[in-house]
C-alpha atoms as a PDB file:
ATOM      1  CA  UNK A   1       0.000   0.000   0.000  1.00  0.00           C
ATOM      2  CA  UNK A   2       1.498   3.413  -0.904  1.00  0.00           C
ATOM      3  CA  UNK A   3       0.682   4.885   2.514  1.00  0.00           C
ATOM      4  CA  UNK A   4       0.340   1.822   4.781  1.00  0.00           C
ATOM      5  CA  UNK A   5      -1.009   3.647   7.824  1.00  0.00           C
ATOM      6  CA  UNK A   6      -3.630   5.796   6.100  1.00  0.00           C
ATOM      7  CA  UNK A   7      -6.789   4.960   8.019  1.00  0.00           C
ATOM      8  CA  UNK A   8      -4.842   2.628  10.326  1.00  0.00           C
ATOM      9  CA  UNK A   9      -3.027   5.055  12.636  1.00  0.00           C
ATOM     10  CA  UNK A  10      -5.447   4.563  15.542  1.00  0.00           C
ATOM     11  CA  UNK A  11      -5.157   0.788  15.244  1.00  0.00           C
ATOM     12  CA  UNK A  12      -1.355   0.965  15.211  1.00  0.00           C
ATOM     13  CA  UNK A  13      -1.405   3.219  18.260  1.00  0.00           C
ATOM     14  CA  UNK A  14      -3.593   0.714  20.112  1.00  0.00           C
ATOM     15  CA  UNK A  15      -1.167  -2.097  19.275  1.00  0.00           C
ATOM     16  CA  UNK A  16       1.714   0.057  20.485  1.00  0.00           C
ATOM     17  CA  UNK A  17      -0.013   0.533  23.845  1.00  0.00           C
ATOM     18  CA  UNK A  18      -0.620  -3.227  24.046  1.00  0.00           C
ATOM     19  CA  UNK A  19       3.111  -3.799  23.579  1.00  0.00           C
ATOM     20  CA  UNK A  20       3.855  -1.338  26.380  1.00  0.00           C
ATOM     21  CA  UNK A  21       1.575  -3.341  28.662  1.00  0.00           C
ATOM     22  CA  UNK A  22       3.526  -6.488  27.784  1.00  0.00           C
ATOM     23  CA  UNK A  23       6.799  -4.827  28.701  1.00  0.00           C
ATOM     24  CA  UNK A  24       5.379  -3.394  31.902  1.00  0.00           C
ATOM     25  CA  UNK A  25       3.362  -6.370  33.100  1.00  0.00           C
ATOM     26  CA  UNK A  26       5.234  -9.401  31.822  1.00  0.00           C
ATOM     27  CA  UNK A  27       2.133 -11.249  30.695  1.00  0.00           C
ATOM     28  CA  UNK A  28       0.608 -12.244  27.367  1.00  0.00           C
ATOM     29  CA  UNK A  29      -1.598  -9.664  25.664  1.00  0.00           C
ATOM     30  CA  UNK A  30      -3.503 -10.979  22.612  1.00  0.00           C
ATOM     31  CA  UNK A  31      -4.136  -8.526  19.779  1.00  0.00           C
ATOM     32  CA  UNK A  32      -6.434  -9.758  17.009  1.00  0.00           C
ATOM     33  CA  UNK A  33      -6.689  -7.925  13.677  1.00  0.00           C
ATOM     34  CA  UNK A  34      -9.529  -9.141  11.468  1.00  0.00           C
ATOM     35  CA  UNK A  35     -10.789  -8.071   8.072  1.00  0.00           C
ATOM     36  CA  UNK A  36     -11.600  -9.172   4.545  1.00  0.00           C
ATOM     37  CA  UNK A  37      -8.793  -9.987   2.083  1.00  0.00           C
ATOM     38  CA  UNK A  38      -6.736  -6.987   1.029  1.00  0.00           C
ATOM     39  CA  UNK A  39      -7.649  -4.703   3.934  1.00  0.00           C
ATOM     40  CA  UNK A  40      -4.060  -4.508   5.221  1.00  0.00           C
ATOM     41  CA  UNK A  41      -4.109  -6.884   8.189  1.00  0.00           C
ATOM     42  CA  UNK A  42      -0.607  -8.226   7.587  1.00  0.00           C
ATOM     43  CA  UNK A  43       0.705  -4.734   6.823  1.00  0.00           C
ATOM     44  CA  UNK A  44      -0.615  -3.437  10.142  1.00  0.00           C
ATOM     45  CA  UNK A  45       0.757  -6.420  12.071  1.00  0.00           C
ATOM     46  CA  UNK A  46       4.188  -6.024  10.453  1.00  0.00           C
ATOM     47  CA  UNK A  47       4.192  -2.310  11.309  1.00  0.00           C
ATOM     48  CA  UNK A  48       3.287  -3.089  14.923  1.00  0.00           C
ATOM     49  CA  UNK A  49       6.086  -5.668  15.155  1.00  0.00           C
ATOM     50  CA  UNK A  50       8.521  -3.120  13.736  1.00  0.00           C
ATOM     51  CA  UNK A  51       7.429  -0.485  16.240  1.00  0.00           C
ATOM     52  CA  UNK A  52       7.856  -2.964  19.088  1.00  0.00           C
ATOM     53  CA  UNK A  53      11.433  -3.755  18.030  1.00  0.00           C
ATOM     54  CA  UNK A  54      11.313  -6.803  20.310  1.00  0.00           C
ATOM     55  CA  UNK A  55      14.423  -8.841  20.946  1.00  0.00           C
ATOM     56  CA  UNK A  56      12.401 -11.995  20.280  1.00  0.00           C
ATOM     57  CA  UNK A  57       9.953 -12.273  17.380  1.00  0.00           C
ATOM     58  CA  UNK A  58       8.420 -15.662  16.623  1.00  0.00           C
ATOM     59  CA  UNK A  59       6.493 -15.643  13.365  1.00  0.00           C
ATOM     60  CA  UNK A  60       4.614 -18.311  11.447  1.00  0.00           C
ATOM     61  CA  UNK A  61       1.632 -19.020   9.231  1.00  0.00           C
ATOM     62  CA  UNK A  62      -0.215 -21.919   7.641  1.00  0.00           C
ATOM     63  CA  UNK A  63       1.047 -23.855   4.665  1.00  0.00           C
ATOM     64  CA  UNK A  64      -1.386 -23.018   1.896  1.00  0.00           C
ATOM     65  CA  UNK A  65      -1.546 -26.336   0.074  1.00  0.00           C
ATOM     66  CA  UNK A  66      -0.911 -29.022   2.657  1.00  0.00           C
ATOM     67  CA  UNK A  67      -1.720 -27.873   6.202  1.00  0.00           C
ATOM     68  CA  UNK A  68      -0.456 -30.217   8.904  1.00  0.00           C
ATOM     69  CA  UNK A  69      -0.608 -30.257  12.726  1.00  0.00           C
ATOM     70  CA  UNK A  70       1.296 -27.422  14.396  1.00  0.00           C
ATOM     71  CA  UNK A  71       2.027 -25.558  11.169  1.00  0.00           C
ATOM     72  CA  UNK A  72       2.597 -22.297  13.063  1.00  0.00           C
ATOM     73  CA  UNK A  73       5.095 -23.788  15.518  1.00  0.00           C
ATOM     74  CA  UNK A  74       6.808 -25.787  12.769  1.00  0.00           C
ATOM     75  CA  UNK A  75       7.379 -22.534  10.850  1.00  0.00           C
ATOM     76  CA  UNK A  76       8.788 -20.911  13.997  1.00  0.00           C
ATOM     77  CA  UNK A  77      11.156 -23.820  14.653  1.00  0.00           C
ATOM     78  CA  UNK A  78      12.313 -23.821  11.026  1.00  0.00           C
ATOM     79  CA  UNK A  79      13.215 -20.128  11.350  1.00  0.00           C
ATOM     80  CA  UNK A  80      14.980 -20.414  14.712  1.00  0.00           C
ATOM     81  CA  UNK A  81      17.100 -23.414  13.723  1.00  0.00           C
ATOM     82  CA  UNK A  82      18.319 -26.231  16.004  1.00  0.00           C
ATOM     83  CA  UNK A  83      17.814 -25.552  19.725  1.00  0.00           C
ATOM     84  CA  UNK A  84      19.356 -28.325  21.818  1.00  0.00           C
ATOM     85  CA  UNK A  85      18.343 -26.460  24.985  1.00  0.00           C
ATOM     86  CA  UNK A  86      14.638 -27.082  24.462  1.00  0.00           C
ATOM     87  CA  UNK A  87      13.263 -29.159  27.385  1.00  0.00           C
ATOM     88  CA  UNK A  88      11.210 -31.331  25.048  1.00  0.00           C
ATOM     89  CA  UNK A  89      11.860 -35.010  24.189  1.00  0.00           C
ATOM     90  CA  UNK A  90      13.484 -35.252  20.739  1.00  0.00           C
ATOM     91  CA  UNK A  91      10.759 -37.474  19.345  1.00  0.00           C
ATOM     92  CA  UNK A  92       8.057 -35.021  20.494  1.00  0.00           C
ATOM     93  CA  UNK A  93      10.026 -32.128  19.033  1.00  0.00           C
ATOM     94  CA  UNK A  94      10.158 -34.022  15.755  1.00  0.00           C
ATOM     95  CA  UNK A  95       6.350 -34.128  15.738  1.00  0.00           C
ATOM     96  CA  UNK A  96       6.074 -30.407  16.525  1.00  0.00           C
ATOM     97  CA  UNK A  97       8.644 -29.479  13.878  1.00  0.00           C
ATOM     98  CA  UNK A  98       6.983 -31.739  11.291  1.00  0.00           C
ATOM     99  CA  UNK A  99      10.213 -33.638  10.797  1.00  0.00           C
ATOM    100  CA  UNK A 100       9.848 -35.940   7.743  1.00  0.00           C
ATOM    101  CA  UNK A 101      11.608 -38.695   9.713  1.00  0.00           C
ATOM    102  CA  UNK A 102       9.276 -38.417  12.680  1.00  0.00           C
ATOM    103  CA  UNK A 103       9.529 -41.479  14.969  1.00  0.00           C
ATOM    104  CA  UNK A 104       6.765 -44.029  15.307  1.00  0.00           C
ATOM    105  CA  UNK A 105       6.003 -43.173  18.921  1.00  0.00           C
ATOM    106  CA  UNK A 106       2.946 -40.951  19.165  1.00  0.00           C
ATOM    107  CA  UNK A 107       1.848 -38.521  21.860  1.00  0.00           C
ATOM    108  CA  UNK A 108      -1.695 -37.745  22.918  1.00  0.00           C
ATOM    109  CA  UNK A 109      -3.038 -34.386  21.670  1.00  0.00           C
ATOM    110  CA  UNK A 110      -3.056 -32.989  25.225  1.00  0.00           C
ATOM    111  CA  UNK A 111       0.543 -34.037  25.817  1.00  0.00           C
ATOM    112  CA  UNK A 112       1.688 -32.495  22.543  1.00  0.00           C
ATOM    113  CA  UNK A 113      -0.157 -29.273  23.345  1.00  0.00           C
ATOM    114  CA  UNK A 114       1.598 -28.995  26.714  1.00  0.00           C
ATOM    115  CA  UNK A 115       4.948 -29.626  25.047  1.00  0.00           C
ATOM    116  CA  UNK A 116       4.169 -27.062  22.354  1.00  0.00           C
ATOM    117  CA  UNK A 117       3.456 -24.395  24.999  1.00  0.00           C
ATOM    118  CA  UNK A 118       6.676 -25.357  26.798  1.00  0.00           C
ATOM    119  CA  UNK A 119       8.577 -24.979  23.515  1.00  0.00           C
ATOM    120  CA  UNK A 120       7.224 -21.474  22.913  1.00  0.00           C
ATOM    121  CA  UNK A 121       7.846 -20.436  26.521  1.00  0.00           C
ATOM    122  CA  UNK A 122      11.458 -21.619  26.247  1.00  0.00           C
ATOM    123  CA  UNK A 123      11.999 -19.813  22.936  1.00  0.00           C
ATOM    124  CA  UNK A 124      10.692 -16.592  24.496  1.00  0.00           C
ATOM    125  CA  UNK A 125      13.026 -17.096  27.441  1.00  0.00           C
ATOM    126  CA  UNK A 126      11.266 -14.641  29.741  1.00  0.00           C
ATOM    127  CA  UNK A 127      12.028 -11.676  27.467  1.00  0.00           C
ATOM    128  CA  UNK A 128       9.220  -9.447  26.111  1.00  0.00           C
ATOM    129  CA  UNK A 129       8.442 -10.972  22.727  1.00  0.00           C
ATOM    130  CA  UNK A 130       6.148 -10.643  19.740  1.00  0.00           C
ATOM    131  CA  UNK A 131       4.378 -13.804  18.624  1.00  0.00           C
ATOM    132  CA  UNK A 132       3.129 -13.097  15.100  1.00  0.00           C
ATOM    133  CA  UNK A 133       0.375 -15.398  13.813  1.00  0.00           C
ATOM    134  CA  UNK A 134      -0.575 -14.551  10.239  1.00  0.00           C
ATOM    135  CA  UNK A 135      -3.838 -15.872   8.751  1.00  0.00           C
ATOM    136  CA  UNK A 136      -5.256 -17.628  11.790  1.00  0.00           C
ATOM    137  CA  UNK A 137      -8.251 -18.654   9.668  1.00  0.00           C
ATOM    138  CA  UNK A 138      -6.014 -20.953   7.586  1.00  0.00           C
ATOM    139  CA  UNK A 139      -4.374 -22.764  10.498  1.00  0.00           C
ATOM    140  CA  UNK A 140      -4.817 -26.428  11.400  1.00  0.00           C
ATOM    141  CA  UNK A 141      -6.757 -27.414  14.552  1.00  0.00           C
ATOM    142  CA  UNK A 142      -3.619 -28.142  16.589  1.00  0.00           C
ATOM    143  CA  UNK A 143      -2.210 -24.694  15.853  1.00  0.00           C
ATOM    144  CA  UNK A 144      -5.535 -23.070  16.745  1.00  0.00           C
ATOM    145  CA  UNK A 145      -5.465 -24.873  20.103  1.00  0.00           C
ATOM    146  CA  UNK A 146      -1.882 -23.738  20.721  1.00  0.00           C
ATOM    147  CA  UNK A 147      -2.589 -20.077  19.908  1.00  0.00           C
ATOM    148  CA  UNK A 148      -5.657 -20.091  22.162  1.00  0.00           C
ATOM    149  CA  UNK A 149      -3.649 -21.742  24.956  1.00  0.00           C
ATOM    150  CA  UNK A 150      -0.859 -19.156  24.679  1.00  0.00           C
ATOM    151  CA  UNK A 151      -3.381 -16.372  25.357  1.00  0.00           C
ATOM    152  CA  UNK A 152      -3.644 -17.587  28.949  1.00  0.00           C
ATOM    153  CA  UNK A 153      -0.054 -18.744  29.424  1.00  0.00           C
ATOM    154  CA  UNK A 154       2.523 -16.962  31.570  1.00  0.00           C
ATOM    155  CA  UNK A 155       4.474 -15.765  28.537  1.00  0.00           C
ATOM    156  CA  UNK A 156       5.494 -12.076  28.312  1.00  0.00           C
ATOM    157  CA  UNK A 157       4.403 -11.593  24.721  1.00  0.00           C
ATOM    158  CA  UNK A 158       2.243  -9.566  22.383  1.00  0.00           C
ATOM    159  CA  UNK A 159       0.287 -12.327  20.682  1.00  0.00           C
ATOM    160  CA  UNK A 160      -0.378 -10.558  17.386  1.00  0.00           C
ATOM    161  CA  UNK A 161      -2.934 -12.428  15.270  1.00  0.00           C
ATOM    162  CA  UNK A 162      -4.414 -11.648  11.850  1.00  0.00           C
ATOM    163  CA  UNK A 163      -7.462 -13.440  10.498  1.00  0.00           C
ATOM    164  CA  UNK A 164     -10.236 -13.273   7.968  1.00  0.00           C
ATOM    165  CA  UNK A 165     -13.781 -13.662   9.328  1.00  0.00           C
ATOM    166  CA  UNK A 166     -14.510 -17.188  10.615  1.00  0.00           C
ATOM    167  CA  UNK A 167     -16.855 -18.006   7.731  1.00  0.00           C
ATOM    168  CA  UNK A 168     -13.785 -17.947   5.470  1.00  0.00           C
ATOM    169  CA  UNK A 169     -11.790 -20.267   7.745  1.00  0.00           C
ATOM    170  CA  UNK A 170     -10.656 -23.825   7.084  1.00  0.00           C
ATOM    171  CA  UNK A 171     -12.252 -24.788  10.402  1.00  0.00           C
ATOM    172  CA  UNK A 172     -14.945 -22.149  11.102  1.00  0.00           C
ATOM    173  CA  UNK A 173     -16.128 -23.529  14.450  1.00  0.00           C
ATOM    174  CA  UNK A 174     -12.603 -23.975  15.828  1.00  0.00           C
ATOM    175  CA  UNK A 175     -11.604 -20.544  14.545  1.00  0.00           C
ATOM    176  CA  UNK A 176     -14.552 -18.946  16.326  1.00  0.00           C
ATOM    177  CA  UNK A 177     -13.563 -20.734  19.524  1.00  0.00           C
ATOM    178  CA  UNK A 178      -9.937 -19.606  19.220  1.00  0.00           C
ATOM    179  CA  UNK A 179     -10.935 -15.997  18.524  1.00  0.00           C
ATOM    180  CA  UNK A 180     -13.283 -16.021  21.516  1.00  0.00           C
ATOM    181  CA  UNK A 181     -10.512 -17.238  23.816  1.00  0.00           C
ATOM    182  CA  UNK A 182      -8.128 -14.616  22.493  1.00  0.00           C
ATOM    183  CA  UNK A 183     -10.676 -11.805  22.835  1.00  0.00           C
ATOM    184  CA  UNK A 184     -11.613 -12.961  26.333  1.00  0.00           C
ATOM    185  CA  UNK A 185      -8.084 -12.719  27.711  1.00  0.00           C
ATOM    186  CA  UNK A 186      -7.347  -9.794  30.094  1.00  0.00           C
ATOM    187  CA  UNK A 187      -6.389  -6.639  28.210  1.00  0.00           C
ATOM    188  CA  UNK A 188      -6.971  -8.203  24.786  1.00  0.00           C
ATOM    189  CA  UNK A 189      -7.135  -5.913  21.750  1.00  0.00           C
ATOM    190  CA  UNK A 190      -9.578  -6.533  18.907  1.00  0.00           C
ATOM    191  CA  UNK A 191      -9.456  -4.505  15.677  1.00  0.00           C
ATOM    192  CA  UNK A 192     -11.512  -5.060  12.521  1.00  0.00           C
ATOM    193  CA  UNK A 193     -10.201  -3.374   9.378  1.00  0.00           C
ATOM    194  CA  UNK A 194     -12.737  -2.178   6.851  1.00  0.00           C
ATOM    195  CA  UNK A 195     -12.241  -0.435   3.497  1.00  0.00           C
ATOM    196  CA  UNK A 196     -10.775   3.053   3.291  1.00  0.00           C
ATOM    197  CA  UNK A 197     -13.148   5.971   2.932  1.00  0.00           C
ATOM    198  CA  UNK A 198     -13.143   8.250  -0.105  1.00  0.00           C
ATOM    199  CA  UNK A 199     -11.260  10.861   1.927  1.00  0.00           C
ATOM    200  CA  UNK A 200      -8.599   8.351   2.944  1.00  0.00           C
ATOM    201  CA  UNK A 201      -8.166   7.247  -0.672  1.00  0.00           C
ATOM    202  CA  UNK A 202      -7.609  10.918  -1.515  1.00  0.00           C
ATOM    203  CA  UNK A 203      -4.830  10.988   1.129  1.00  0.00           C
ATOM    204  CA  UNK A 204      -3.201   7.983  -0.523  1.00  0.00           C
ATOM    205  CA  UNK A 205      -3.278   9.693  -3.917  1.00  0.00           C
ATOM    206  CA  UNK A 206      -1.930  12.942  -2.459  1.00  0.00           C
ATOM    207  CA  UNK A 207       1.067  11.017  -1.169  1.00  0.00           C
ATOM    208  CA  UNK A 208       1.585   9.144  -4.442  1.00  0.00           C
ATOM    209  CA  UNK A 209       1.314  12.193  -6.677  1.00  0.00           C
ATOM    210  CA  UNK A 210       3.182  14.595  -4.399  1.00  0.00           C
ATOM    211  CA  UNK A 211       2.961  18.210  -5.559  1.00  0.00           C
ATOM    212  CA  UNK A 212       0.739  17.411  -8.541  1.00  0.00           C
ATOM    213  CA  UNK A 213      -2.306  16.655  -6.430  1.00  0.00           C
ATOM    214  CA  UNK A 214      -4.987  14.635  -8.238  1.00  0.00           C
ATOM    215  CA  UNK A 215      -8.471  16.017  -8.643  1.00  0.00           C
ATOM    216  CA  UNK A 216     -11.284  15.167  -6.236  1.00  0.00           C
ATOM    217  CA  UNK A 217     -13.064  13.458  -9.133  1.00  0.00           C
ATOM    218  CA  UNK A 218     -10.085  11.145  -9.727  1.00  0.00           C
ATOM    219  CA  UNK A 219      -9.881  10.229  -6.045  1.00  0.00           C
ATOM    220  CA  UNK A 220     -13.604   9.496  -6.064  1.00  0.00           C
ATOM    221  CA  UNK A 221     -13.200   7.328  -9.159  1.00  0.00           C
ATOM    222  CA  UNK A 222     -10.362   5.344  -7.558  1.00  0.00           C
ATOM    223  CA  UNK A 223     -12.453   4.831  -4.437  1.00  0.00           C
ATOM    224  CA  UNK A 224     -15.429   3.588  -6.433  1.00  0.00           C
ATOM    225  CA  UNK A 225     -13.268   1.382  -8.646  1.00  0.00           C
ATOM    226  CA  UNK A 226     -11.512  -0.304  -5.709  1.00  0.00           C
ATOM    227  CA  UNK A 227     -14.208  -0.149  -3.043  1.00  0.00           C
ATOM    228  CA  UNK A 228     -11.558   1.401  -0.775  1.00  0.00           C
ATOM    229  CA  UNK A 229      -9.720  -1.916  -0.568  1.00  0.00           C
ATOM    230  CA  UNK A 230      -6.013  -1.140   0.087  1.00  0.00           C
ATOM    231  CA  UNK A 231      -4.739  -4.091  -1.946  1.00  0.00           C
ATOM    232  CA  UNK A 232      -6.877  -3.174  -4.943  1.00  0.00           C
ATOM    233  CA  UNK A 233      -5.670   0.418  -4.655  1.00  0.00           C
ATOM    234  CA  UNK A 234      -2.079  -0.829  -4.713  1.00  0.00           C
ATOM    235  CA  UNK A 235      -2.779  -2.946  -7.781  1.00  0.00           C
ATOM    236  CA  UNK A 236      -4.410  -0.020  -9.565  1.00  0.00           C
ATOM    237  CA  UNK A 237      -1.557   2.347  -8.763  1.00  0.00           C
ATOM    238  CA  UNK A 238       1.031  -0.216  -9.849  1.00  0.00           C
ATOM    239  CA  UNK A 239       0.214   0.693 -13.465  1.00  0.00           C
ATOM    240  CA  UNK A 240       0.849   3.918 -15.344  1.00  0.00           C
ATOM    241  CA  UNK A 241      -0.160   6.536 -12.786  1.00  0.00           C
ATOM    242  CA  UNK A 242       0.189   9.309 -15.383  1.00  0.00           C
ATOM    243  CA  UNK A 243      -2.758   7.779 -17.239  1.00  0.00           C
ATOM    244  CA  UNK A 244      -4.772   6.704 -14.209  1.00  0.00           C
ATOM    245  CA  UNK A 245      -7.858   8.578 -15.385  1.00  0.00           C
ATOM    246  CA  UNK A 246      -7.627   6.747 -18.705  1.00  0.00           C
ATOM    247  CA  UNK A 247      -7.282   3.423 -16.911  1.00  0.00           C
ATOM    248  CA  UNK A 248     -10.429   4.131 -14.932  1.00  0.00           C
ATOM    249  CA  UNK A 249     -12.373   5.061 -18.028  1.00  0.00           C
ATOM    250  CA  UNK A 250     -11.235   1.857 -19.700  1.00  0.00           C
ATOM    251  CA  UNK A 251     -12.019  -0.169 -16.601  1.00  0.00           C
ATOM    252  CA  UNK A 252     -15.727   0.644 -16.849  1.00  0.00           C
ATOM    253  CA  UNK A 253     -16.142  -0.166 -20.527  1.00  0.00           C
ATOM    254  CA  UNK A 254     -18.970  -2.699 -20.547  1.00  0.00           C
ATOM    255  CA  UNK A 255     -20.000  -5.364 -23.014  1.00  0.00           C
ATOM    256  CA  UNK A 256     -23.399  -5.062 -24.666  1.00  0.00           C
ATOM    257  CA  UNK A 257     -24.805  -7.799 -22.411  1.00  0.00           C
ATOM    258  CA  UNK A 258     -23.352  -6.177 -19.291  1.00  0.00           C
ATOM    259  CA  UNK A 259     -25.012  -2.894 -20.253  1.00  0.00           C
ATOM    260  CA  UNK A 260     -28.320  -4.726 -20.593  1.00  0.00           C
ATOM    261  CA  UNK A 261     -27.951  -6.386 -17.189  1.00  0.00           C
ATOM    262  CA  UNK A 262     -26.956  -3.071 -15.642  1.00  0.00           C
ATOM    263  CA  UNK A 263     -30.005  -1.459 -17.162  1.00  0.00           C
ATOM    264  CA  UNK A 264     -32.147  -4.150 -15.567  1.00  0.00           C
ATOM    265  CA  UNK A 265     -30.533  -3.418 -12.210  1.00  0.00           C
ATOM    266  CA  UNK A 266     -31.409   0.232 -12.710  1.00  0.00           C
ATOM    267  CA  UNK A 267     -35.024  -0.844 -13.216  1.00  0.00           C
ATOM    268  CA  UNK A 268     -34.923  -2.600  -9.834  1.00  0.00           C
ATOM    269  CA  UNK A 269     -35.162  -6.149 -11.229  1.00  0.00           C
ATOM    270  CA  UNK A 270     -34.107  -9.243  -9.299  1.00  0.00           C
ATOM    271  CA  UNK A 271     -31.802 -11.812 -10.943  1.00  0.00           C
ATOM    272  CA  UNK A 272     -34.715 -14.088 -11.892  1.00  0.00           C
ATOM    273  CA  UNK A 273     -36.547 -11.192 -13.558  1.00  0.00           C
ATOM    274  CA  UNK A 274     -33.391 -10.183 -15.436  1.00  0.00           C
ATOM    275  CA  UNK A 275     -32.963 -13.752 -16.665  1.00  0.00           C
ATOM    276  CA  UNK A 276     -36.520 -13.796 -18.007  1.00  0.00           C
ATOM    277  CA  UNK A 277     -36.218 -10.380 -19.638  1.00  0.00           C
ATOM    278  CA  UNK A 278     -32.953 -11.193 -21.416  1.00  0.00           C
ATOM    279  CA  UNK A 279     -33.535 -14.892 -22.095  1.00  0.00           C
ATOM    280  CA  UNK A 280     -30.501 -16.103 -20.162  1.00  0.00           C
ATOM    281  CA  UNK A 281     -30.005 -18.303 -17.085  1.00  0.00           C
ATOM    282  CA  UNK A 282     -30.022 -16.991 -13.528  1.00  0.00           C
ATOM    283  CA  UNK A 283     -26.478 -18.328 -13.122  1.00  0.00           C
ATOM    284  CA  UNK A 284     -25.336 -16.253 -16.109  1.00  0.00           C
ATOM    285  CA  UNK A 285     -27.025 -13.193 -14.616  1.00  0.00           C
ATOM    286  CA  UNK A 286     -25.136 -13.786 -11.363  1.00  0.00           C
ATOM    287  CA  UNK A 287     -21.816 -13.845 -13.242  1.00  0.00           C
ATOM    288  CA  UNK A 288     -22.678 -10.615 -15.082  1.00  0.00           C
ATOM    289  CA  UNK A 289     -23.675  -8.877 -11.841  1.00  0.00           C
ATOM    290  CA  UNK A 290     -20.384  -9.921 -10.217  1.00  0.00           C
ATOM    291  CA  UNK A 291     -18.455  -8.534 -13.186  1.00  0.00           C
ATOM    292  CA  UNK A 292     -20.425  -5.296 -13.058  1.00  0.00           C
ATOM    293  CA  UNK A 293     -19.645  -4.770  -9.378  1.00  0.00           C
ATOM    294  CA  UNK A 294     -15.968  -5.300 -10.106  1.00  0.00           C
ATOM    295  CA  UNK A 295     -15.862  -3.031 -13.159  1.00  0.00           C
ATOM    296  CA  UNK A 296     -17.877  -0.165 -11.714  1.00  0.00           C
ATOM    297  CA  UNK A 297     -16.273  -0.360  -8.281  1.00  0.00           C
ATOM    298  CA  UNK A 298     -19.741  -0.617  -6.719  1.00  0.00           C
ATOM    299  CA  UNK A 299     -20.038  -2.488  -3.437  1.00  0.00           C
ATOM    300  CA  UNK A 300     -23.693  -3.449  -3.894  1.00  0.00           C
ATOM    301  CA  UNK A 301     -26.408  -3.907  -6.508  1.00  0.00           C
ATOM    302  CA  UNK A 302     -28.001  -0.677  -5.331  1.00  0.00           C
ATOM    303  CA  UNK A 303     -24.798   1.279  -5.879  1.00  0.00           C
ATOM    304  CA  UNK A 304     -24.373  -0.301  -9.328  1.00  0.00           C
ATOM    305  CA  UNK A 305     -27.966   0.635 -10.167  1.00  0.00           C
ATOM    306  CA  UNK A 306     -27.307   4.233  -9.089  1.00  0.00           C
ATOM    307  CA  UNK A 307     -24.181   4.242 -11.266  1.00  0.00           C
ATOM    308  CA  UNK A 308     -26.363   3.140 -14.203  1.00  0.00           C
ATOM    309  CA  UNK A 309     -29.071   5.725 -13.538  1.00  0.00           C
ATOM    310  CA  UNK A 310     -26.486   8.506 -13.420  1.00  0.00           C
ATOM    311  CA  UNK A 311     -25.407   7.450 -16.927  1.00  0.00           C
ATOM    312  CA  UNK A 312     -28.952   6.778 -18.208  1.00  0.00           C
ATOM    313  CA  UNK A 313     -28.148   3.126 -18.900  1.00  0.00           C
ATOM    314  CA  UNK A 314     -31.659   2.113 -17.912  1.00  0.00           C
ATOM    315  CA  UNK A 315     -32.640   2.881 -21.511  1.00  0.00           C
ATOM    316  CA  UNK A 316     -30.819  -0.272 -22.682  1.00  0.00           C
ATOM    317  CA  UNK A 317     -33.281  -2.631 -21.057  1.00  0.00           C
ATOM    318  CA  UNK A 318     -36.320  -0.473 -21.764  1.00  0.00           C
ATOM    319  CA  UNK A 319     -35.498  -0.608 -25.480  1.00  0.00           C
ATOM    320  CA  UNK A 320     -34.969  -4.379 -25.412  1.00  0.00           C
ATOM    321  CA  UNK A 321     -38.003  -5.333 -23.363  1.00  0.00           C
ATOM    322  CA  UNK A 322     -40.357  -2.860 -24.992  1.00  0.00           C
END
């Protein structure tokens, strides 16, 4: 994101205060940052970790294609390297580190969880630390149990967690349970990141363009095109910024069918009515509506319909349907 903390300064300040409580109190303080994809959760967490400048930072996330038990801890152990001082049996450590040559002996889930907490506590070593958990929603059940357990452990750490909403999780019910335990811990911080406002998008563009400040109309167009989503703003600005207005005009060029569907939206029709009026399937209408929301930058059917009315696109369907 061109200006990472635009619209996020208050959240960063709250995470900074949480870190100060960790240093002053010596106990774990969970800080959960939630939001839809592209809203800057990882950017905010990374900024908070940088501000903390902790001596110990343990960071991990889920493996995207083949999640396995204790993915988060396995990533941490891979980054820290061999630690012969860990008070954990070698065969148990092999399980926690996802060693490919893991021994046959198995541990009960409760025993492994206790050993996992012991491993993290030893790695922290009593020093104020940051435990960074990226994409909690993608973690395996064992990792979710570990993160929830750490929230109540005597570990002097800022437990900094990012997550999409539970309905997007690999294990929705377990994710809800983990988030509830984190939020219920003493002094816990909970921040949900939404899209940027039109004014905040204008701040981003002011920073990007410097002295040649963009027009209010351009900032409004960028906001509508991206829905205020920081990632989508970054993607849009990654192109030729000198021709951004041209890019936006091109981005809303619609096919003939899309114009017809948009006209139907402007008439207040539901998907089934649109399908009947245009002689296409409801599924096809759904695809066209999704494309229209993306192209126009609208966040709802109502906003897309307003966009059509402002351009008198309702005439397209009136002409076709008589």
